[in-house]
Protein backbone atom coordinates (compact mmCIF):
# COMPACT_ATOMS: atom_id res chain seq x y z
CA MET A 1 145.69 142.29 99.84
CA LEU A 2 148.45 144.38 98.14
CA ASP A 3 147.57 146.88 95.21
CA GLU A 4 149.14 146.55 91.91
CA HIS A 5 151.91 149.22 93.05
CA GLU A 6 152.85 147.28 96.24
CA ARG A 7 152.84 143.88 94.22
CA HIS A 8 155.26 145.46 91.64
CA ALA A 9 157.64 147.04 94.20
CA THR A 10 157.54 143.67 96.45
CA TYR A 11 158.44 141.77 93.08
CA ARG A 12 161.38 144.08 92.14
CA GLN A 13 162.54 143.75 95.64
CA TRP A 14 162.71 139.85 95.69
CA ARG A 15 163.72 139.81 91.77
CA TRP A 16 166.61 142.38 91.86
CA TRP A 17 168.98 140.07 93.59
CA SER A 18 168.22 136.91 92.29
CA ILE A 19 168.81 138.43 88.87
CA VAL A 20 172.52 139.41 90.13
CA LEU A 21 173.09 136.18 91.51
CA ARG A 22 172.16 134.61 88.22
CA GLY A 23 174.50 137.11 86.61
CA LEU A 24 177.34 136.46 89.09
CA ALA A 25 177.27 132.78 88.52
CA ALA A 26 177.61 133.44 84.96
CA ILE A 27 180.64 135.57 85.35
CA VAL A 28 182.24 132.97 87.76
CA PHE A 29 181.55 130.47 85.02
CA GLY A 30 182.99 132.70 82.18
CA ILE A 31 186.16 133.25 84.17
CA PHE A 32 186.84 129.69 84.83
CA ALA A 33 186.18 128.68 81.17
CA LEU A 34 188.44 131.62 79.98
CA ALA A 35 190.91 130.74 82.56
CA LEU A 36 191.18 126.74 81.71
CA PRO A 37 190.80 126.72 78.21
CA GLY A 38 193.44 124.19 77.52
CA SER A 39 192.25 121.94 80.36
CA ALA A 40 190.32 118.73 79.78
CA PHE A 41 186.97 119.17 77.89
CA PHE A 42 185.32 117.57 80.72
CA SER A 43 185.73 120.66 83.33
CA LEU A 44 183.97 122.61 80.81
CA VAL A 45 181.02 120.20 80.55
CA LEU A 46 181.05 120.24 84.36
CA LEU A 47 181.13 123.77 84.94
CA PHE A 48 178.39 124.00 82.23
CA GLY A 49 176.29 121.54 83.94
CA ILE A 50 176.64 123.24 87.34
CA TYR A 51 176.22 126.52 85.93
CA ALA A 52 173.07 125.52 84.08
CA ILE A 53 171.22 123.91 86.80
CA ALA A 54 171.89 126.84 89.28
CA ASP A 55 170.60 129.51 86.77
CA GLY A 56 167.53 127.02 86.26
CA VAL A 57 166.80 126.80 89.80
CA LEU A 58 167.01 130.41 90.19
CA ALA A 59 164.69 131.24 87.21
CA LEU A 60 162.31 128.64 88.69
CA ALA A 61 162.26 130.06 92.14
CA LEU A 62 162.01 133.71 90.41
CA GLY A 63 159.26 132.08 88.37
CA SER A 64 157.28 130.63 91.18
CA ARG A 65 156.95 133.89 93.24
CA ALA A 66 156.51 136.36 90.48
CA PRO A 67 153.15 138.05 90.91
CA VAL A 68 153.44 140.36 87.75
CA VAL A 69 155.73 138.93 84.81
CA PRO A 70 154.59 135.97 82.80
CA ARG A 71 155.36 132.85 85.00
CA GLY A 72 155.43 130.64 81.82
CA ALA A 73 158.46 132.12 80.18
CA LEU A 74 160.44 132.09 83.61
CA ILE A 75 159.36 128.66 84.44
CA SER A 76 160.29 127.30 81.08
CA ARG A 77 163.64 128.97 81.12
CA GLY A 78 164.32 127.48 84.38
CA ILE A 79 163.29 123.93 83.16
CA ILE A 80 165.47 124.32 80.01
CA SER A 81 168.39 125.18 82.14
CA ILE A 82 168.09 122.49 84.41
CA ILE A 83 167.71 119.79 81.71
CA ALA A 84 170.54 121.03 79.97
CA GLY A 85 172.67 120.92 83.15
CA ILE A 86 171.68 117.54 84.05
CA LEU A 87 172.41 116.23 80.54
CA ALA A 88 175.85 118.05 80.90
CA LEU A 89 176.48 116.34 83.85
CA THR A 90 175.33 112.58 83.05
CA MET A 91 176.92 112.20 79.72
CA PRO A 92 179.75 109.94 80.02
CA GLY A 93 182.93 110.92 77.93
CA PRO A 94 180.67 113.51 75.77
CA ALA A 95 181.87 114.14 72.27
CA GLY A 96 182.71 117.96 71.50
CA LEU A 97 180.03 118.09 69.07
CA ALA A 98 177.37 116.38 71.14
CA LEU A 99 178.18 119.36 73.92
CA LEU A 100 178.29 122.13 71.14
CA ILE A 101 174.81 121.02 70.39
CA LEU A 102 173.78 120.96 73.77
CA ILE A 103 175.19 124.53 74.62
CA ALA A 104 173.83 125.77 71.51
CA ALA A 105 170.27 124.63 71.85
CA TRP A 106 170.45 125.87 75.36
CA ALA A 107 171.57 129.23 74.59
CA ILE A 108 168.40 129.61 71.58
CA ALA A 109 165.84 128.16 73.86
CA SER A 110 166.82 130.43 76.99
CA GLY A 111 167.60 133.44 74.57
CA ILE A 112 164.06 132.90 73.13
CA ALA A 113 162.51 132.77 76.50
CA GLU A 114 164.30 136.25 77.47
CA VAL A 115 162.97 137.83 74.06
CA VAL A 116 159.58 136.86 75.06
CA MET A 117 159.94 138.11 78.62
CA ALA A 118 161.34 141.27 77.33
CA ILE A 119 158.26 141.86 74.98
CA LYS A 120 155.68 140.91 77.68
CA LEU A 121 157.22 143.18 80.24
CA ARG A 122 157.79 146.46 77.98
CA ARG A 123 155.18 148.05 79.97
CA GLU A 124 156.18 146.93 83.55
CA LEU A 125 159.99 147.23 83.39
CA ALA A 126 161.96 150.29 82.11
CA HIS A 127 164.84 149.67 79.93
CA GLU A 128 163.33 146.12 78.94
CA TRP A 129 165.61 146.49 75.98
CA LEU A 130 168.37 145.13 78.29
CA LEU A 131 166.54 141.80 78.66
CA GLY A 132 165.74 141.66 75.14
CA LEU A 133 169.35 142.32 74.08
CA GLU A 134 170.55 139.38 76.56
CA GLY A 135 167.96 137.02 74.86
CA ALA A 136 169.27 138.13 71.34
CA LEU A 137 172.99 137.88 72.26
CA SER A 138 171.90 134.20 73.68
CA VAL A 139 170.30 133.35 70.33
CA ALA A 140 173.14 134.56 68.26
CA PHE A 141 175.68 132.66 70.45
CA GLY A 142 173.75 129.48 69.90
CA LEU A 143 173.53 129.69 66.31
CA VAL A 144 177.37 130.75 65.76
CA LEU A 145 178.13 127.37 67.80
CA LEU A 146 175.74 125.63 65.42
CA LEU A 147 177.56 126.95 62.58
CA SER A 148 180.74 126.22 63.94
CA PRO A 149 180.44 122.33 64.80
CA LEU A 150 184.40 121.81 64.16
CA ALA A 151 185.32 124.35 66.73
CA GLY A 152 187.86 122.73 69.27
CA ALA A 153 187.29 122.36 72.76
CA ILE A 154 189.84 125.61 73.41
CA VAL A 155 187.79 127.58 71.15
CA LEU A 156 184.46 126.49 72.60
CA ALA A 157 185.60 127.29 75.94
CA LEU A 158 186.63 130.81 75.04
CA TRP A 159 183.32 131.25 73.22
CA VAL A 160 181.28 130.11 76.24
CA GLY A 161 183.55 132.17 78.72
CA ALA A 162 183.39 135.42 76.91
CA PHE A 163 179.67 134.86 76.35
CA ALA A 164 179.13 134.09 80.24
CA LEU A 165 180.94 137.08 80.87
CA VAL A 166 178.91 139.41 78.75
CA LEU A 167 175.81 137.98 79.73
CA GLY A 168 176.69 137.88 83.33
CA GLY A 169 177.44 141.51 83.20
CA MET A 170 174.42 142.22 81.34
CA MET A 171 172.28 140.61 84.12
CA VAL A 172 174.27 142.11 87.08
CA VAL A 173 173.50 145.62 85.44
CA THR A 174 169.66 144.65 84.80
CA GLY A 175 169.60 143.45 88.54
CA PHE A 176 170.92 146.89 89.99
CA ARG A 177 168.66 148.82 87.64
CA LEU A 178 165.61 146.83 89.37
CA ARG A 179 167.27 147.50 92.88
CA SER A 180 167.29 151.37 92.09
CA MET A 181 163.54 151.15 90.80
CA GLN A 182 162.70 149.68 93.93
CA HIS A 183 164.49 152.74 95.84
CA HIS A 184 162.79 155.02 93.41
CA ASP A 185 159.34 153.42 94.50
CA LEU A 186 160.02 153.65 98.07
CA ALA A 187 161.03 157.38 97.80
CA ALA A 188 157.81 158.05 95.58
CA ALA A 189 155.52 156.08 98.01
CA ALA A 190 157.00 158.08 101.04
């Protein structure tokens, strides 16, 4: 049976790279959204759907293997992301407003889940404020989208792309911070 210190180290060892992968997926999505703002709105729907499903699967995997953190928040975030992705991929010819509301609801719900995780992890994770900031930015982004329902597909693509780049960058930094904590734990244990 692993003691608590070993469980924390094992969790961080597995978790850091999954957060980096989620961040890289967000960055790739952001680059595509910014590079193709004038393309058909359908491309944005597909990109968002694929990203949301990948993000949800990674969050569910993380939640199922996390011995320390609150699993409910991770599993909720994963389910929300997968549902949003499936809806985006199966909506035939979605209207701009419908997609805007879908993305806004996803950003708000997943942001709230991340803020809850940051609050619950404040004693387990150094610099948990980064996770809280990610969640707060996600909620703010969702609210901005809801307040601008007449935004065109190009403006929406630019907003979504910029948001994904910022969020992805923050997730990559958070993942590598967890990795450095793991190396610190291993050095301290030796």
